[in-house]
């Protein structure tokens, strides 16, 4: 019997979430970031949902998602209707959840080959 390791056709996977960060592959990130199955954007400066503006959301659009998942920290928070409309008017799905749920959902969608972007808010 031959046993082989199946390697995913994507680069990034969330492996864990703690109060202070998210473990992506083998690295714990302790500042807010954006993640696609193939790209990690570490200089996303948004750390609270109330501070979000069009420039923060434009960084998400630059990654051309079909669906955007926003992890809002330890507790699920909801954006202002204007922020939600920013994505919906462009035909992009928008879901918010806590970081642990966002990490699990990202992994599932990445494994399905979906065009997903996840944003993780990590307060400084």
N, C-alpha and C. Protein backbone atom coordinates (compact mmCIF):
# COMPACT_ATOMS: atom_id res chain seq x y z
N UNK A 1 0.84 -1.17 0.00
CA UNK A 1 0.00 0.00 0.00
C UNK A 1 0.89 1.23 0.00
N UNK A 2 0.61 2.13 -0.93
CA UNK A 2 1.37 3.37 -1.00
C UNK A 2 0.56 4.47 -0.32
N UNK A 3 1.22 5.18 0.57
CA UNK A 3 0.57 6.29 1.26
C UNK A 3 1.26 7.57 0.81
N UNK A 4 0.48 8.50 0.29
CA UNK A 4 1.04 9.77 -0.14
C UNK A 4 0.30 10.91 0.56
N UNK A 5 1.02 11.98 0.75
CA UNK A 5 0.42 13.16 1.36
C UNK A 5 -0.22 14.00 0.26
N UNK A 6 -1.50 14.32 0.43
CA UNK A 6 -2.17 15.16 -0.54
C UNK A 6 -1.88 16.61 -0.20
N UNK A 7 -1.28 17.32 -1.13
CA UNK A 7 -0.97 18.72 -0.92
C UNK A 7 -2.05 19.57 -1.56
N UNK A 8 -2.55 20.56 -0.86
CA UNK A 8 -3.60 21.41 -1.44
C UNK A 8 -3.05 22.24 -2.59
N UNK A 9 -3.94 22.69 -3.45
CA UNK A 9 -3.51 23.52 -4.57
C UNK A 9 -3.61 25.00 -4.21
N UNK A 10 -3.53 25.31 -2.93
CA UNK A 10 -3.49 26.69 -2.47
C UNK A 10 -2.36 26.81 -1.45
N UNK A 11 -1.96 28.04 -1.17
CA UNK A 11 -0.76 28.28 -0.39
C UNK A 11 -1.00 28.49 1.10
N UNK A 12 -2.13 29.10 1.46
CA UNK A 12 -2.35 29.49 2.85
C UNK A 12 -3.52 28.76 3.49
N UNK A 13 -3.34 28.44 4.76
CA UNK A 13 -4.34 27.73 5.55
C UNK A 13 -4.30 28.28 6.97
N UNK A 14 -5.45 28.51 7.57
CA UNK A 14 -5.52 28.93 8.97
C UNK A 14 -5.43 27.69 9.84
N UNK A 15 -4.49 27.67 10.76
CA UNK A 15 -4.27 26.50 11.59
C UNK A 15 -4.70 26.69 13.03
N UNK A 16 -4.97 27.92 13.43
CA UNK A 16 -5.40 28.16 14.80
C UNK A 16 -5.70 29.63 15.04
N UNK A 17 -6.46 29.88 16.08
CA UNK A 17 -6.83 31.25 16.46
C UNK A 17 -6.68 31.37 17.97
N UNK A 18 -6.07 32.47 18.40
CA UNK A 18 -5.96 32.77 19.83
C UNK A 18 -6.47 34.19 20.05
N UNK A 19 -6.52 34.62 21.28
CA UNK A 19 -6.98 35.97 21.59
C UNK A 19 -6.08 37.03 20.96
N UNK A 20 -4.82 36.69 20.76
CA UNK A 20 -3.87 37.68 20.25
C UNK A 20 -3.50 37.55 18.80
N UNK A 21 -4.03 36.56 18.09
CA UNK A 21 -3.64 36.42 16.70
C UNK A 21 -4.23 35.20 16.03
N UNK A 22 -3.77 34.99 14.80
CA UNK A 22 -4.22 33.87 13.98
C UNK A 22 -2.98 33.17 13.44
N UNK A 23 -2.96 31.85 13.55
CA UNK A 23 -1.87 31.05 13.03
C UNK A 23 -2.15 30.72 11.57
N UNK A 24 -1.34 31.28 10.69
CA UNK A 24 -1.46 31.02 9.25
C UNK A 24 -0.25 30.19 8.85
N UNK A 25 -0.52 29.01 8.35
CA UNK A 25 0.54 28.02 8.10
C UNK A 25 1.28 27.82 9.42
N UNK A 26 2.54 28.19 9.49
CA UNK A 26 3.31 27.98 10.71
C UNK A 26 3.65 29.30 11.40
N UNK A 27 2.97 30.39 11.03
CA UNK A 27 3.30 31.71 11.54
C UNK A 27 2.10 32.37 12.21
N UNK A 28 2.30 32.86 13.44
CA UNK A 28 1.21 33.56 14.13
C UNK A 28 1.25 35.03 13.76
N UNK A 29 0.14 35.52 13.22
CA UNK A 29 0.01 36.92 12.85
C UNK A 29 -0.72 37.65 13.96
N UNK A 30 -0.13 38.75 14.44
CA UNK A 30 -0.67 39.48 15.59
C UNK A 30 -1.13 40.88 15.22
N UNK A 31 -1.34 41.12 13.94
CA UNK A 31 -1.90 42.39 13.45
C UNK A 31 -2.91 42.04 12.36
N UNK A 32 -3.86 42.91 12.15
CA UNK A 32 -4.91 42.64 11.15
C UNK A 32 -4.30 42.35 9.79
N UNK A 33 -4.95 41.46 9.04
CA UNK A 33 -4.44 41.07 7.73
C UNK A 33 -5.56 40.57 6.84
N UNK A 34 -5.25 40.48 5.56
CA UNK A 34 -6.15 39.89 4.56
C UNK A 34 -5.52 38.61 4.06
N UNK A 35 -6.37 37.64 3.73
CA UNK A 35 -5.87 36.34 3.30
C UNK A 35 -6.72 35.79 2.17
N UNK A 36 -6.05 35.33 1.13
CA UNK A 36 -6.70 34.56 0.07
C UNK A 36 -6.04 33.20 0.07
N UNK A 37 -6.55 32.25 -0.67
CA UNK A 37 -5.86 30.96 -0.71
C UNK A 37 -4.43 31.06 -1.24
N UNK A 38 -4.12 32.15 -1.99
CA UNK A 38 -2.81 32.25 -2.62
C UNK A 38 -2.01 33.49 -2.21
N UNK A 39 -2.59 34.35 -1.38
CA UNK A 39 -1.92 35.60 -1.05
C UNK A 39 -2.20 36.01 0.39
N UNK A 40 -1.16 36.56 1.05
CA UNK A 40 -1.26 37.09 2.40
C UNK A 40 -0.90 38.56 2.33
N UNK A 41 -1.80 39.42 2.80
CA UNK A 41 -1.58 40.87 2.83
C UNK A 41 -1.47 41.27 4.29
N UNK A 42 -0.25 41.53 4.73
CA UNK A 42 -0.02 41.78 6.15
C UNK A 42 -0.15 43.25 6.55
N UNK A 43 -0.17 44.15 5.60
CA UNK A 43 -0.19 45.57 5.96
C UNK A 43 -1.59 46.19 5.89
N UNK A 44 -2.61 45.38 6.19
CA UNK A 44 -3.98 45.90 6.25
C UNK A 44 -4.13 46.59 7.59
N UNK A 45 -4.33 47.89 7.59
CA UNK A 45 -4.24 48.69 8.81
C UNK A 45 -5.53 48.78 9.62
N UNK A 46 -6.56 48.09 9.23
CA UNK A 46 -7.83 48.15 9.95
C UNK A 46 -7.76 47.27 11.20
N UNK A 47 -7.99 47.86 12.38
CA UNK A 47 -7.99 47.03 13.59
C UNK A 47 -9.32 47.05 14.34
N UNK A 48 -10.23 47.95 13.96
CA UNK A 48 -11.58 47.93 14.52
C UNK A 48 -12.58 48.20 13.41
N UNK A 49 -13.72 47.61 13.50
CA UNK A 49 -14.75 47.76 12.47
C UNK A 49 -15.22 49.21 12.36
N UNK A 50 -15.28 49.92 13.46
CA UNK A 50 -15.75 51.31 13.42
C UNK A 50 -14.77 52.23 12.69
N UNK A 51 -13.53 51.82 12.55
CA UNK A 51 -12.53 52.64 11.85
C UNK A 51 -12.52 52.39 10.34
N UNK A 52 -13.32 51.47 9.86
CA UNK A 52 -13.29 51.08 8.44
C UNK A 52 -13.74 52.23 7.55
N UNK A 53 -13.04 52.39 6.44
CA UNK A 53 -13.42 53.36 5.43
C UNK A 53 -13.23 52.74 4.05
N UNK A 54 -13.55 53.48 3.01
CA UNK A 54 -13.48 52.94 1.66
C UNK A 54 -12.07 52.48 1.27
N UNK A 55 -11.05 53.12 1.81
CA UNK A 55 -9.67 52.71 1.49
C UNK A 55 -9.38 51.30 2.02
N UNK A 56 -9.89 50.99 3.21
CA UNK A 56 -9.71 49.63 3.75
C UNK A 56 -10.43 48.61 2.87
N UNK A 57 -11.65 48.94 2.47
CA UNK A 57 -12.43 48.01 1.65
C UNK A 57 -11.86 47.90 0.25
N UNK A 58 -11.25 48.98 -0.26
CA UNK A 58 -10.63 48.91 -1.59
C UNK A 58 -9.51 47.89 -1.61
N UNK A 59 -8.77 47.77 -0.51
CA UNK A 59 -7.71 46.75 -0.43
C UNK A 59 -8.30 45.35 -0.62
N UNK A 60 -9.51 45.14 -0.09
CA UNK A 60 -10.20 43.86 -0.28
C UNK A 60 -10.58 43.70 -1.75
N UNK A 61 -11.15 44.73 -2.34
CA UNK A 61 -11.57 44.65 -3.75
C UNK A 61 -10.40 44.38 -4.68
N UNK A 62 -9.23 44.90 -4.33
CA UNK A 62 -8.04 44.67 -5.15
C UNK A 62 -7.71 43.18 -5.29
N UNK A 63 -8.17 42.38 -4.34
CA UNK A 63 -7.93 40.93 -4.37
C UNK A 63 -9.01 40.18 -5.15
N UNK A 64 -10.00 40.89 -5.66
CA UNK A 64 -11.05 40.38 -6.55
C UNK A 64 -11.81 39.17 -5.98
N UNK A 65 -12.39 39.33 -4.79
CA UNK A 65 -13.13 38.20 -4.20
C UNK A 65 -14.52 38.04 -4.79
N UNK A 66 -15.02 36.82 -4.74
CA UNK A 66 -16.44 36.57 -4.97
C UNK A 66 -17.17 36.66 -3.64
N UNK A 67 -16.43 36.37 -2.55
CA UNK A 67 -16.98 36.40 -1.20
C UNK A 67 -15.93 36.94 -0.25
N UNK A 68 -16.34 37.86 0.62
CA UNK A 68 -15.46 38.41 1.64
C UNK A 68 -15.97 37.99 3.01
N UNK A 69 -15.08 37.36 3.78
CA UNK A 69 -15.39 36.95 5.15
C UNK A 69 -14.59 37.87 6.07
N UNK A 70 -15.28 38.50 7.00
CA UNK A 70 -14.60 39.38 7.94
C UNK A 70 -14.66 38.79 9.33
N UNK A 71 -13.49 38.45 9.85
CA UNK A 71 -13.36 38.02 11.23
C UNK A 71 -13.20 39.25 12.10
N UNK A 72 -14.10 39.42 13.05
CA UNK A 72 -14.13 40.67 13.82
C UNK A 72 -13.53 40.53 15.22
N UNK A 73 -12.65 39.59 15.41
CA UNK A 73 -12.01 39.40 16.71
C UNK A 73 -12.65 38.26 17.48
N UNK A 74 -12.64 38.36 18.79
CA UNK A 74 -13.19 37.30 19.64
C UNK A 74 -14.72 37.22 19.57
N UNK A 75 -15.33 38.35 19.25
CA UNK A 75 -16.80 38.45 19.24
C UNK A 75 -17.26 38.93 17.87
N UNK A 76 -18.32 38.33 17.37
CA UNK A 76 -18.87 38.75 16.10
C UNK A 76 -19.44 40.16 16.23
N UNK A 77 -19.11 41.02 15.27
CA UNK A 77 -19.65 42.38 15.20
C UNK A 77 -20.16 42.60 13.80
N UNK A 78 -21.08 43.53 13.66
CA UNK A 78 -21.69 43.78 12.35
C UNK A 78 -21.32 45.16 11.84
N UNK A 79 -21.05 45.27 10.56
CA UNK A 79 -20.68 46.57 9.99
C UNK A 79 -21.90 47.47 9.83
N UNK A 80 -21.64 48.75 9.65
CA UNK A 80 -22.70 49.70 9.33
C UNK A 80 -23.28 49.33 7.96
N UNK A 81 -24.55 49.62 7.74
CA UNK A 81 -25.16 49.30 6.44
C UNK A 81 -24.38 49.86 5.25
N UNK A 82 -23.78 51.03 5.40
CA UNK A 82 -22.99 51.62 4.31
C UNK A 82 -21.81 50.71 3.93
N UNK A 83 -21.18 50.13 4.94
CA UNK A 83 -20.04 49.24 4.69
C UNK A 83 -20.48 47.96 3.99
N UNK A 84 -21.59 47.43 4.42
CA UNK A 84 -22.15 46.23 3.79
C UNK A 84 -22.53 46.53 2.34
N UNK A 85 -23.14 47.68 2.11
CA UNK A 85 -23.55 48.07 0.76
C UNK A 85 -22.36 48.20 -0.18
N UNK A 86 -21.21 48.60 0.34
CA UNK A 86 -20.00 48.73 -0.47
C UNK A 86 -19.73 47.44 -1.24
N UNK A 87 -19.93 46.30 -0.61
CA UNK A 87 -19.68 45.01 -1.25
C UNK A 87 -20.89 44.52 -2.04
N UNK A 88 -22.06 44.64 -1.47
CA UNK A 88 -23.25 44.12 -2.12
C UNK A 88 -23.53 44.82 -3.44
N UNK A 89 -23.26 46.12 -3.53
CA UNK A 89 -23.45 46.86 -4.78
C UNK A 89 -22.50 46.38 -5.87
N UNK A 90 -21.45 45.73 -5.50
CA UNK A 90 -20.47 45.21 -6.45
C UNK A 90 -20.64 43.71 -6.70
N UNK A 91 -21.70 43.12 -6.14
CA UNK A 91 -21.99 41.71 -6.34
C UNK A 91 -21.09 40.78 -5.56
N UNK A 92 -20.51 41.26 -4.48
CA UNK A 92 -19.59 40.47 -3.66
C UNK A 92 -20.30 40.11 -2.35
N UNK A 93 -20.32 38.83 -2.03
CA UNK A 93 -20.90 38.39 -0.77
C UNK A 93 -20.07 38.89 0.40
N UNK A 94 -20.72 39.19 1.51
CA UNK A 94 -20.05 39.73 2.69
C UNK A 94 -20.61 39.04 3.92
N UNK A 95 -19.75 38.38 4.68
CA UNK A 95 -20.16 37.70 5.91
C UNK A 95 -19.25 38.14 7.04
N UNK A 96 -19.82 38.36 8.21
CA UNK A 96 -19.01 38.64 9.39
C UNK A 96 -19.19 37.52 10.41
N UNK A 97 -18.14 37.25 11.14
CA UNK A 97 -18.15 36.23 12.18
C UNK A 97 -16.94 36.45 13.07
N UNK A 98 -16.85 35.76 14.17
CA UNK A 98 -15.65 35.91 15.00
C UNK A 98 -14.46 35.28 14.26
N UNK A 99 -13.26 35.55 14.74
CA UNK A 99 -12.06 35.09 14.02
C UNK A 99 -11.97 33.58 13.91
N UNK A 100 -12.38 32.86 14.95
CA UNK A 100 -12.30 31.39 14.90
C UNK A 100 -13.23 30.85 13.81
N UNK A 101 -14.45 31.34 13.74
CA UNK A 101 -15.38 30.90 12.70
C UNK A 101 -14.91 31.33 11.32
N UNK A 102 -14.33 32.52 11.22
CA UNK A 102 -13.82 33.01 9.93
C UNK A 102 -12.68 32.11 9.44
N UNK A 103 -11.82 31.68 10.34
CA UNK A 103 -10.71 30.81 9.96
C UNK A 103 -11.22 29.46 9.45
N UNK A 104 -12.18 28.89 10.16
CA UNK A 104 -12.75 27.60 9.73
C UNK A 104 -13.45 27.74 8.37
N UNK A 105 -14.23 28.80 8.21
CA UNK A 105 -14.96 29.01 6.97
C UNK A 105 -14.00 29.25 5.81
N UNK A 106 -12.97 30.05 6.05
CA UNK A 106 -11.96 30.30 5.01
C UNK A 106 -11.35 28.98 4.55
N UNK A 107 -10.95 28.13 5.48
CA UNK A 107 -10.31 26.86 5.12
C UNK A 107 -11.23 25.99 4.26
N UNK A 108 -12.48 25.92 4.63
CA UNK A 108 -13.44 25.10 3.87
C UNK A 108 -13.59 25.65 2.46
N UNK A 109 -13.78 26.97 2.34
CA UNK A 109 -13.98 27.56 1.02
C UNK A 109 -12.72 27.48 0.16
N UNK A 110 -11.56 27.63 0.78
CA UNK A 110 -10.30 27.50 0.03
C UNK A 110 -10.15 26.08 -0.50
N UNK A 111 -10.50 25.09 0.32
CA UNK A 111 -10.40 23.70 -0.11
C UNK A 111 -11.39 23.38 -1.23
N UNK A 112 -12.48 24.13 -1.29
CA UNK A 112 -13.46 23.95 -2.37
C UNK A 112 -13.06 24.70 -3.64
N UNK A 113 -11.95 25.44 -3.58
CA UNK A 113 -11.50 26.19 -4.75
C UNK A 113 -12.25 27.49 -4.97
N UNK A 114 -12.91 28.00 -3.93
CA UNK A 114 -13.69 29.22 -4.05
C UNK A 114 -12.78 30.45 -4.04
N UNK A 115 -13.26 31.51 -4.67
CA UNK A 115 -12.53 32.77 -4.74
C UNK A 115 -12.89 33.60 -3.50
N UNK A 116 -12.27 33.30 -2.39
CA UNK A 116 -12.61 33.90 -1.10
C UNK A 116 -11.46 34.76 -0.60
N UNK A 117 -11.83 35.84 0.05
CA UNK A 117 -10.88 36.67 0.79
C UNK A 117 -11.38 36.74 2.22
N UNK A 118 -10.49 36.54 3.17
CA UNK A 118 -10.83 36.69 4.58
C UNK A 118 -10.01 37.85 5.15
N UNK A 119 -10.68 38.67 5.92
CA UNK A 119 -10.00 39.73 6.66
C UNK A 119 -10.12 39.42 8.14
N UNK A 120 -9.04 39.53 8.85
CA UNK A 120 -9.04 39.24 10.28
C UNK A 120 -8.66 40.52 11.03
N UNK A 121 -9.57 40.98 11.90
CA UNK A 121 -9.29 42.14 12.74
C UNK A 121 -8.63 41.68 14.03
N UNK A 122 -7.48 42.25 14.28
CA UNK A 122 -6.74 41.93 15.51
C UNK A 122 -6.39 43.25 16.16
N UNK A 123 -7.04 43.55 17.26
CA UNK A 123 -6.83 44.82 17.95
C UNK A 123 -5.40 44.89 18.50
N UNK A 124 -4.83 46.05 18.41
CA UNK A 124 -3.46 46.26 18.91
C UNK A 124 -3.46 46.76 20.32
